[in-house]
Protein backbone atom coordinates (compact mmCIF):
# COMPACT_ATOMS: atom_id res chain seq x y z
CA MET A 1 -4.94 26.31 -101.89
CA ARG A 2 -8.29 25.37 -100.32
CA THR A 3 -10.16 22.34 -101.43
CA GLN A 4 -13.90 22.25 -101.72
CA ASN A 5 -14.36 19.41 -99.18
CA GLU A 6 -12.99 21.48 -96.26
CA LYS A 7 -16.01 23.72 -96.23
CA GLY A 8 -18.22 23.47 -93.01
CA ILE A 9 -15.54 21.92 -90.67
CA ALA A 10 -15.82 24.88 -88.30
CA LEU A 11 -19.50 24.18 -87.83
CA VAL A 12 -18.82 20.53 -87.09
CA LEU A 13 -16.11 21.41 -84.57
CA SER A 14 -18.38 23.96 -82.94
CA LEU A 15 -21.10 21.35 -82.57
CA PHE A 16 -18.64 18.89 -81.01
CA LEU A 17 -17.36 21.57 -78.61
CA LEU A 18 -20.92 22.62 -77.75
CA SER A 19 -21.80 18.99 -77.01
CA ALA A 20 -18.72 18.62 -74.83
CA MET A 21 -19.50 21.83 -72.99
CA SER A 22 -23.08 20.64 -72.46
CA VAL A 23 -21.83 17.37 -70.96
CA ILE A 24 -19.43 19.26 -68.70
CA ALA A 25 -22.14 21.68 -67.65
CA ALA A 26 -24.53 18.82 -66.90
CA SER A 27 -21.79 17.06 -64.89
CA LEU A 28 -21.14 20.21 -62.93
CA MET A 29 -24.84 20.57 -62.25
CA PHE A 30 -25.06 16.97 -61.03
CA LEU A 31 -21.88 17.49 -58.98
CA SER A 32 -23.29 20.65 -57.48
CA GLN A 33 -26.54 18.85 -56.71
CA THR A 34 -24.61 15.96 -55.13
CA GLU A 35 -22.60 18.39 -53.00
CA THR A 36 -25.81 20.13 -51.99
CA TYR A 37 -27.42 16.83 -51.01
CA SER A 38 -24.24 15.74 -49.21
CA SER A 39 -24.12 19.01 -47.28
CA MET A 40 -27.81 18.70 -46.50
CA ASN A 41 -27.37 15.11 -45.32
CA TYR A 42 -24.43 16.12 -43.16
CA ARG A 43 -26.45 18.97 -41.68
CA LEU A 44 -29.42 16.70 -40.99
CA MET A 45 -27.17 14.02 -39.51
CA SER A 46 -25.44 16.59 -37.28
CA GLN A 47 -28.77 17.98 -36.13
CA ALA A 48 -30.04 14.47 -35.37
CA ARG A 49 -26.84 13.67 -33.49
CA TYR A 50 -27.06 16.83 -31.41
CA GLY A 51 -30.63 15.88 -30.57
CA ALA A 52 -29.53 12.38 -29.51
CA GLU A 53 -26.78 13.89 -27.35
CA SER A 54 -29.38 16.11 -25.72
CA GLY A 55 -31.28 12.98 -24.79
CA ILE A 56 -28.11 11.51 -23.26
CA GLN A 57 -27.56 14.64 -21.18
CA LYS A 58 -31.18 14.85 -20.00
CA ALA A 59 -31.20 11.18 -19.00
CA ALA A 60 -27.88 11.54 -17.15
CA ASN A 61 -29.11 14.69 -15.40
CA HIS A 62 -32.27 12.90 -14.26
CA LEU A 63 -30.35 9.85 -13.00
CA LEU A 64 -27.90 12.02 -11.07
CA TYR A 65 -30.22 14.57 -9.50
CA SER A 66 -33.81 13.27 -9.49
CA TYR A 67 -33.64 9.50 -9.49
CA VAL A 68 -33.46 7.84 -6.05
CA VAL A 69 -31.24 4.75 -6.03
CA PRO A 70 -32.53 1.52 -4.49
CA ALA A 71 -31.80 1.05 -0.80
CA THR A 72 -31.75 -1.80 1.67
CA ALA A 73 -35.39 -1.12 2.50
CA GLY A 74 -38.18 1.19 1.39
CA ALA A 75 -40.29 1.60 -1.73
CA ASP A 76 -37.48 0.43 -4.01
CA PRO A 77 -35.54 -2.27 -2.09
CA ILE A 78 -32.35 -3.59 -3.62
CA ALA A 79 -33.62 -7.11 -2.97
CA ASN A 80 -35.88 -6.66 -6.03
CA TYR A 81 -32.85 -6.89 -8.28
CA ASN A 82 -30.34 -9.53 -9.27
CA ILE A 83 -27.14 -7.55 -8.87
CA ASN A 84 -24.87 -10.55 -9.50
CA VAL A 85 -25.20 -10.28 -13.29
CA SER A 86 -24.56 -7.58 -15.88
CA PRO A 87 -26.81 -6.00 -16.86
CA VAL A 88 -28.72 -6.08 -13.59
CA THR A 89 -32.03 -7.93 -13.96
CA PHE A 90 -35.57 -7.73 -12.61
CA ASN A 91 -37.89 -10.66 -13.33
CA ASN A 92 -34.99 -12.22 -15.30
CA GLN A 93 -34.91 -9.29 -17.74
CA PRO A 94 -32.44 -6.37 -17.90
CA VAL A 95 -33.46 -3.36 -15.83
CA VAL A 96 -34.41 -0.58 -18.24
CA LEU A 97 -35.82 2.91 -17.79
CA SER A 98 -37.18 3.97 -21.17
CA ALA A 99 -38.59 6.98 -22.97
CA ASN A 100 -38.08 5.28 -26.33
CA ALA A 101 -41.05 3.55 -28.02
CA THR A 102 -38.78 0.88 -29.52
CA LYS A 103 -37.36 -0.17 -26.12
CA PRO A 104 -39.78 -1.44 -23.47
CA SER A 105 -39.12 -0.41 -19.90
CA ASN A 106 -38.53 -2.93 -17.12
CA TYR A 107 -38.36 -1.42 -13.65
CA PRO A 108 -39.98 -2.67 -10.42
CA VAL A 109 -41.40 0.72 -9.39
CA ALA A 110 -43.89 2.18 -11.87
CA ALA A 111 -43.55 5.73 -10.47
CA VAL A 112 -39.82 5.74 -11.21
CA GLN A 113 -40.45 4.76 -14.83
CA THR A 114 -43.19 7.39 -15.18
CA ALA A 115 -40.87 10.10 -13.83
CA PHE A 116 -38.11 9.07 -16.23
CA LEU A 117 -40.46 9.12 -19.22
CA ALA A 118 -41.75 12.59 -18.35
CA ALA A 119 -38.31 14.08 -17.68
CA VAL A 120 -36.03 12.93 -20.48
CA GLN A 121 -37.81 12.88 -23.86
CA GLY A 122 -38.33 16.04 -25.90
CA THR A 123 -37.65 18.02 -29.07
CA LEU A 124 -35.22 20.66 -30.29
CA ALA A 125 -35.81 23.36 -32.92
CA ALA A 126 -33.18 23.08 -35.67
CA GLY A 127 -33.55 25.74 -38.34
CA ASN A 128 -36.77 25.03 -40.24
CA THR A 129 -37.11 21.51 -38.81
CA THR A 130 -37.51 19.78 -35.43
CA VAL A 131 -35.35 17.06 -33.87
CA ALA A 132 -37.00 14.60 -31.48
CA TYR A 133 -34.90 12.66 -28.96
CA ALA A 134 -35.90 9.57 -26.99
CA PRO A 135 -33.38 7.97 -24.61
CA TYR A 136 -33.43 4.82 -22.52
CA ALA A 137 -31.07 3.62 -19.79
CA THR A 138 -29.95 0.07 -19.04
CA LEU A 139 -28.59 -0.69 -15.56
CA LEU A 140 -25.26 -2.45 -16.13
CA SER A 141 -24.19 -2.87 -12.50
CA MET A 142 -25.24 -1.99 -8.97
CA GLN A 143 -23.66 -2.62 -5.59
CA GLN A 144 -23.82 -1.42 -2.02
CA ILE A 145 -20.58 -0.36 -0.37
CA ASP A 146 -19.52 0.55 3.16
CA VAL A 147 -18.56 4.20 3.02
CA TYR A 148 -15.71 5.41 5.20
CA GLY A 149 -17.20 7.81 7.69
CA GLY A 150 -20.28 5.72 8.21
CA GLY A 151 -23.22 4.43 6.26
CA VAL A 152 -23.92 2.34 3.18
CA GLU A 153 -24.34 3.77 -0.32
CA THR A 154 -25.60 2.26 -3.56
CA ILE A 155 -23.50 2.95 -6.65
CA GLN A 156 -24.60 2.20 -10.20
CA THR A 157 -23.37 2.08 -13.77
CA TRP A 158 -25.90 2.92 -16.50
CA GLN A 159 -25.61 2.60 -20.25
CA ILE A 160 -27.67 5.42 -21.76
CA THR A 161 -28.78 5.13 -25.40
CA SER A 162 -30.60 7.91 -27.20
CA THR A 163 -31.96 8.36 -30.72
CA GLY A 164 -32.27 11.71 -32.44
CA SER A 165 -34.78 11.77 -35.31
CA ILE A 166 -35.89 14.19 -38.02
CA THR A 167 -39.07 12.99 -39.70
CA ALA A 168 -40.36 16.03 -41.64
CA GLY A 169 -39.17 16.44 -45.23
CA ARG A 170 -35.83 14.69 -45.62
CA THR A 171 -35.41 12.26 -42.70
CA ALA A 172 -32.43 11.40 -40.52
CA GLN A 173 -31.84 9.27 -37.44
CA VAL A 174 -28.73 8.94 -35.24
CA GLU A 175 -28.16 6.78 -32.17
CA VAL A 176 -25.76 7.87 -29.44
CA SER A 177 -24.62 5.70 -26.53
CA ALA A 178 -22.66 6.59 -23.38
CA THR A 179 -21.88 5.05 -20.01
CA LEU A 180 -22.68 6.88 -16.78
CA GLU A 181 -20.51 5.45 -14.03
CA THR A 182 -20.11 6.25 -10.33
CA PRO A 183 -16.67 4.98 -9.29
CA LYS A 184 -15.47 3.90 -5.86
CA PHE A 185 -12.03 4.32 -4.35
CA PRO A 186 -10.35 2.61 -1.40
CA ALA A 187 -10.79 4.93 1.58
CA THR A 188 -8.53 3.47 4.24
CA LEU A 189 -5.11 3.41 2.61
CA TYR A 190 -3.32 4.82 5.67
CA GLY A 191 -2.63 3.87 9.25
CA ALA A 192 -2.94 7.55 10.12
CA PHE A 193 -4.19 10.49 8.07
CA GLY A 194 -4.28 14.17 9.01
CA THR A 195 -6.73 16.27 7.01
CA ALA A 196 -5.29 19.66 8.02
CA PRO A 197 -3.25 21.42 5.29
CA THR A 198 -0.86 22.78 7.91
CA CYS A 199 2.50 22.14 9.52
CA GLY A 200 2.45 19.22 11.93
CA ALA A 201 -0.84 17.73 10.70
CA LEU A 202 0.94 14.48 11.52
CA LYS A 203 3.41 14.34 14.41
CA PHE A 204 5.36 11.22 15.30
CA GLY A 205 7.83 11.47 18.19
CA GLY A 206 9.54 9.38 20.85
CA ASN A 207 9.72 5.70 19.93
CA THR A 208 6.46 5.58 18.00
CA GLN A 209 5.98 3.42 14.92
CA SER A 210 3.58 2.85 12.06
CA ASN A 211 3.57 -0.61 10.47
CA SER A 212 0.97 -3.05 9.15
CA TYR A 213 -0.72 -6.45 9.34
CA ASP A 214 -3.54 -8.36 7.62
CA SER A 215 -6.56 -9.19 9.78
CA THR A 216 -7.56 -12.01 7.42
CA ALA A 217 -4.28 -13.86 7.93
CA ALA A 218 -3.76 -16.50 10.59
CA LEU A 219 -2.64 -15.31 14.02
CA VAL A 220 0.63 -16.50 15.50
CA GLY A 221 0.59 -16.91 19.25
CA GLY A 222 -2.76 -15.12 19.39
CA THR A 223 -1.49 -11.93 17.71
CA PRO A 224 -1.20 -10.78 14.09
CA VAL A 225 2.02 -11.01 12.16
CA ILE A 226 3.37 -7.44 12.03
CA SER A 227 5.23 -6.34 8.90
CA ASN A 228 7.76 -3.54 8.90
CA SER A 229 6.19 -2.31 5.67
CA GLY A 230 2.81 -1.12 4.49
CA GLY A 231 2.33 1.21 7.47
CA ASN A 232 1.61 4.11 5.14
CA VAL A 233 0.56 7.49 6.50
CA GLY A 234 -0.83 10.56 4.77
CA THR A 235 -1.83 14.17 5.25
CA ASN A 236 -3.02 17.23 3.37
CA GLY A 237 -0.22 19.15 5.04
CA ASN A 238 3.13 18.43 6.67
CA MET A 239 4.41 15.53 8.74
CA THR A 240 6.81 16.31 11.57
CA GLU A 241 9.02 13.47 12.86
CA SER A 242 11.39 13.51 15.80
CA GLY A 243 13.19 11.21 18.22
CA SER A 244 13.34 7.59 17.08
CA ALA A 245 10.00 7.52 15.32
CA ASP A 246 9.76 5.04 12.45
CA ILE A 247 7.25 5.04 9.62
CA PHE A 248 7.52 1.60 8.06
CA GLY A 249 5.72 2.71 4.93
CA THR A 250 5.33 5.78 2.76
CA LEU A 251 4.19 9.34 3.41
CA SER A 252 1.56 10.72 1.00
CA THR A 253 0.84 14.45 0.77
CA PRO A 254 0.14 17.06 -1.92
CA ARG A 255 3.01 19.08 -0.44
CA VAL A 256 6.58 18.88 -1.69
CA GLY A 257 9.97 19.45 -0.15
CA ILE A 258 11.69 18.42 3.07
CA GLY A 259 12.84 20.89 5.69
CA ASN A 260 11.54 23.43 8.18
CA CYS A 261 7.80 23.87 7.75
CA SER A 262 6.26 27.33 8.13
CA ASP A 263 2.81 28.76 7.56
CA GLY A 264 3.98 30.42 4.38
CA ASN A 265 5.80 27.33 3.15
CA VAL A 266 4.12 24.09 4.17
CA ASP A 267 6.47 21.35 3.01
CA ALA A 268 5.93 17.60 2.99
CA LEU A 269 8.23 16.45 5.78
CA SER A 270 10.16 17.89 8.68
CA THR A 271 12.42 15.35 10.39
CA SER A 272 14.97 15.40 13.19
CA GLY A 273 16.82 12.95 15.43
CA GLY A 274 16.84 9.36 14.23
CA ALA A 275 13.35 9.40 12.74
CA THR A 276 12.91 7.49 9.47
CA ILE A 277 10.48 7.10 6.57
CA ASN A 278 10.30 3.62 5.07
CA GLY A 279 13.44 2.79 7.01
CA HIS A 280 15.42 5.61 5.44
CA LYS A 281 16.94 8.81 6.80
CA PRO A 282 16.92 10.98 4.82
CA PRO A 283 14.01 9.70 2.70
CA GLU A 284 14.83 8.10 -0.61
CA ALA A 285 12.97 8.17 -3.92
CA GLY A 286 9.49 6.74 -3.50
CA ASP A 287 9.33 7.23 0.27
CA VAL A 288 7.32 10.46 -0.09
CA ILE A 289 4.42 10.22 -2.56
CA THR A 290 3.06 13.47 -3.98
CA LEU A 291 -0.73 13.44 -4.10
CA PRO A 292 -2.28 15.27 -7.08
CA GLN A 293 -4.57 17.23 -4.77
CA ALA A 294 -5.76 17.43 -1.19
CA VAL A 295 -7.93 14.54 0.00
CA SER A 296 -11.48 15.60 0.90
CA LEU A 297 -13.19 13.37 3.46
CA PRO A 298 -16.87 13.66 4.44
CA THR A 299 -17.94 14.69 7.93
CA PRO A 300 -19.86 11.96 9.78
CA VAL A 301 -23.58 12.44 10.26
CA VAL A 302 -24.42 13.73 13.76
CA PRO A 303 -27.24 11.66 15.29
CA PRO A 304 -30.10 13.81 16.63
CA GLY A 305 -31.57 13.78 20.12
CA VAL A 306 -28.55 12.47 22.02
CA PRO A 307 -28.79 13.57 25.70
CA THR A 308 -26.03 15.47 27.51
CA THR A 309 -26.78 14.22 31.02
CA ALA A 310 -24.25 12.24 33.07
CA TYR A 311 -24.27 8.46 32.70
CA ASN A 312 -22.40 6.05 34.97
CA GLY A 313 -20.98 3.34 32.72
CA ASN A 314 -19.52 1.11 35.42
CA ASN A 315 -20.50 -2.51 34.65
CA GLN A 316 -23.19 -1.39 32.21
CA ILE A 317 -24.24 -3.03 28.92
CA LEU A 318 -25.34 -0.83 26.01
CA LEU A 319 -27.03 -2.56 23.09
CA ASN A 320 -28.09 -1.55 19.59
CA GLY A 321 -30.05 1.70 19.55
CA ALA A 322 -28.79 2.94 22.91
CA SER A 323 -28.48 6.73 23.19
CA VAL A 324 -26.82 8.10 26.34
CA GLY A 325 -25.17 11.33 27.46
CA ASN A 326 -21.77 11.92 29.03
CA VAL A 327 -20.56 8.42 29.87
CA THR A 328 -17.87 7.94 32.51
CA CYS A 329 -16.46 4.59 33.55
CA THR A 330 -14.13 4.52 36.53
CA GLY A 331 -14.04 0.79 37.19
CA GLY A 332 -15.36 -2.58 36.10
CA THR A 333 -16.46 -3.17 32.51
CA LEU A 334 -18.54 -1.13 30.09
CA THR A 335 -19.88 -3.48 27.41
CA LEU A 336 -21.03 -2.29 24.00
CA GLY A 337 -23.05 -4.49 21.66
CA ALA A 338 -23.71 -8.22 21.59
CA VAL A 339 -22.07 -11.20 19.92
CA GLY A 340 -23.17 -11.69 16.33
CA VAL A 341 -25.04 -8.36 16.19
CA THR A 342 -24.23 -5.09 14.40
CA SER A 343 -25.04 -2.30 16.87
CA THR A 344 -25.25 1.46 16.47
CA ILE A 345 -24.78 3.27 19.78
CA ASN A 346 -24.89 7.03 20.34
CA MET A 347 -23.10 8.91 23.13
CA ASN A 348 -22.44 12.54 23.81
CA SER A 349 -19.01 11.71 25.26
CA LEU A 350 -17.03 8.80 26.67
CA SER A 351 -14.36 8.92 29.37
CA LEU A 352 -12.52 5.83 30.64
CA THR A 353 -10.50 6.31 33.83
CA GLY A 354 -9.13 4.19 36.64
CA ASN A 355 -9.28 0.51 35.76
CA CYS A 356 -12.34 0.63 33.50
CA GLU A 357 -12.32 -1.78 30.57
CA LEU A 358 -14.35 -1.11 27.44
CA ASN A 359 -15.52 -4.40 26.00
CA VAL A 360 -16.91 -4.45 22.45
CA LEU A 361 -18.95 -7.42 21.23
CA GLY A 362 -20.09 -8.10 17.69
CA THR A 363 -19.76 -5.07 15.42
CA VAL A 364 -20.29 -1.64 16.98
CA VAL A 365 -20.62 1.75 15.32
CA LEU A 366 -20.13 4.31 18.09
CA ASN A 367 -21.31 7.84 17.26
CA ILE A 368 -19.83 10.53 19.52
CA VAL A 369 -21.63 13.90 19.47
CA GLY A 370 -19.43 15.91 21.87
CA ALA A 371 -21.81 18.77 22.67
CA GLY A 372 -20.46 21.00 25.46
CA THR A 373 -17.27 19.00 25.98
CA THR A 374 -13.63 19.65 25.18
CA THR A 375 -12.54 16.00 25.14
CA PRO A 376 -15.46 13.91 23.87
CA PHE A 377 -13.48 10.65 23.73
CA ASP A 378 -10.80 9.95 26.35
CA THR A 379 -9.33 6.57 27.31
CA THR A 380 -6.84 7.94 29.84
CA GLY A 381 -6.29 5.20 32.42
CA GLY A 382 -8.80 2.82 30.85
CA SER A 383 -8.39 0.05 28.30
CA LEU A 384 -10.10 -1.39 25.25
CA ALA A 385 -10.66 -5.12 24.90
CA ASN A 386 -12.65 -5.36 21.71
CA GLN A 387 -12.61 -8.43 19.50
CA SER A 388 -9.02 -9.24 20.45
CA ALA A 389 -9.45 -12.73 19.00
CA THR A 390 -10.00 -11.42 15.44
CA PHE A 391 -8.06 -8.13 15.28
CA ASP A 392 -10.62 -6.90 12.75
CA PRO A 393 -10.85 -3.12 13.23
CA SER A 394 -14.11 -2.85 11.27
CA THR A 395 -15.86 -4.40 14.30
CA PHE A 396 -15.43 -1.12 16.23
CA GLN A 397 -15.98 2.11 14.32
CA ILE A 398 -15.77 5.37 16.26
CA MET A 399 -17.32 8.36 14.45
CA TYR A 400 -16.98 11.98 15.59
CA ALA A 401 -17.92 15.03 13.53
CA GLY A 402 -16.75 17.76 15.93
CA THR A 403 -13.56 19.76 16.33
CA ASP A 404 -12.49 19.00 19.92
CA ASN A 405 -9.78 16.72 21.28
CA ILE A 406 -9.65 12.93 21.28
CA LYS A 407 -7.18 11.14 23.54
CA LEU A 408 -6.01 7.56 23.26
CA THR A 409 -3.83 7.33 26.35
CA GLY A 410 -2.49 4.59 28.57
CA ASN A 411 -0.96 1.18 28.11
CA SER A 412 -3.84 -0.56 26.37
CA LYS A 413 -4.43 -2.40 23.13
CA ALA A 414 -7.17 -1.05 20.90
CA ILE A 415 -8.62 -2.48 17.71
CA GLY A 416 -10.81 -0.18 15.66
CA MET A 417 -11.34 2.56 13.14
CA LEU A 418 -11.26 6.06 14.58
CA TYR A 419 -12.80 8.54 12.13
CA ALA A 420 -12.78 12.16 13.31
CA PRO A 421 -11.68 14.26 10.30
CA ASN A 422 -12.16 17.59 12.11
CA ALA A 423 -10.65 16.70 15.50
CA ALA A 424 -7.20 16.80 17.11
CA ILE A 425 -6.18 13.24 18.05
CA THR A 426 -3.35 12.35 20.42
CA VAL A 427 -2.00 8.84 20.99
CA THR A 428 0.31 8.59 23.99
CA GLY A 429 1.74 6.02 26.39
CA ASN A 430 2.40 2.50 25.19
CA ASN A 431 -0.77 2.10 23.15
CA ASP A 432 -0.99 -0.43 20.34
CA PHE A 433 -3.71 0.68 17.94
CA TYR A 434 -4.73 -1.91 15.33
CA GLY A 435 -6.65 -0.34 12.48
CA SER A 436 -6.78 3.18 11.07
CA ILE A 437 -6.93 6.70 12.50
CA VAL A 438 -8.24 9.79 10.69
CA GLY A 439 -8.17 13.21 12.33
CA LYS A 440 -7.60 16.83 11.50
CA THR A 441 -4.28 16.34 13.25
CA VAL A 442 -2.80 13.12 14.60
CA GLU A 443 0.01 13.20 17.17
CA THR A 444 1.71 10.13 18.65
CA THR A 445 4.28 10.13 21.43
CA GLY A 446 5.84 7.71 23.90
CA SER A 447 6.09 4.17 22.54
CA SER A 448 2.76 4.08 20.76
CA GLN A 449 2.41 1.94 17.69
CA ILE A 450 -0.20 2.20 14.92
CA HIS A 451 -0.66 -1.13 13.15
CA TYR A 452 -2.52 -0.53 9.90
CA ASP A 453 -4.80 -3.36 8.76
CA ARG A 454 -4.10 -3.76 5.05
CA HIS A 455 -7.41 -5.57 4.59
CA LEU A 456 -9.26 -2.28 5.17
CA SER A 457 -8.22 -1.04 1.72
CA SER A 458 -10.60 -3.57 0.16
CA THR A 459 -13.39 -3.14 2.72
CA PHE A 460 -14.22 0.57 3.05
CA PHE A 461 -14.56 2.99 0.17
CA MET A 462 -15.20 6.56 -0.85
CA VAL A 463 -17.69 7.34 -3.62
CA GLY A 464 -16.15 9.27 -6.50
CA ASN A 465 -17.72 11.82 -8.80
CA PRO A 466 -19.99 10.38 -11.52
CA MET A 467 -18.45 10.42 -14.98
CA MET A 468 -19.52 9.83 -18.57
CA SER A 469 -17.42 7.35 -20.54
CA SER A 470 -17.48 5.00 -23.55
CA PHE A 471 -19.16 7.54 -25.85
CA SER A 472 -20.14 6.23 -29.30
CA TRP A 473 -22.64 6.99 -32.08
CA LYS A 474 -24.01 5.55 -35.31
CA LYS A 475 -26.43 6.69 -38.01
CA TYR A 476 -29.18 4.85 -39.83
């Protein structure tokens, strides 16, 4: 039985439900609006970030391909900078190349700054808006290194910072930072290295040895202390050992396997007789190191204008800047360089015969051209007497870019760095070579010994490929 006071409850409930539905609908509208704004903000932030990354890439591209690094002399000498701090400074302020209005530039050469500003700033179209990017680069470090194969190079590390901005309508700004680094790697890690990817790129036979010493250590009895370790050798191909040859160190190669090498199957090592690697026959674990890839070494620069006429080197003295043709020395002394001086001397070829002695003073870089010759460097019958008191091989650097033969023959002692990555090198007789040898192929016979100077690994370098690292970003 219905009572009178229950009339109208449906209307009240309907009003409550309508109110609740209105609140829910309003909440959904606000939620939808929030999602729309969130999506819009994310889109704007992403667009601004992509613009900032574009600035990073344009700045890196300019620094790698258009910017000229400071040198020892010239319009932008390295002496303008304090390279002993990080970041590098000029006029006691960090060195900065800037295309960003909020970051002042500080670079000693105005033209370099102008070129950077013109090349790296810009805009990107992004839907119905435009993203502007404005990078700047701070020089974190800079150094000059002696490059194996000749010459000095400047390597740098830059921190590149770029902002990407959207200023029309809804605004957004993102900052991206990355490090552009040019690495260096030790170049002279081996007593002997053969660049050829073939069988017999290295050949050690007879009673030959490879071991090591440290030219910075004290001499004992006027000679270095030789260690039966550290005499590492390497090749892009195969090493063939025979007789009683001993490698007191490791063999590094991208090849694998031990056995009979053939053109269709270039393995790492072919050994016979009593020959050993790291004192072991057969090799044990760790004696043969597998390189991840073939080692690529640069070809030395060939000096222009070197004559090809005959030159009698008997009792001659050649100083810095000398450029002579086919030098033969059959007796007496041929002197290169002067005490306390770094000399660059160019020759077409050099042949030491008879009782000729090659005497090297100071530091000498000897460039051999080898035009029209089959053996551009030959010490058969002669001897080297360079810097025997120091045993520092960096004081005599022999550079040859060609493909002909180089002979180190006789019963002499030689101290130096022989760099001929395209040539066939033979070491015969009872030679003691203190330093490092690089050739397309390297063959040693007789009782020759290669004494690798371990100090070279921290003296000469190869420049690696530039890389981007330490990438980060933030929004405002």
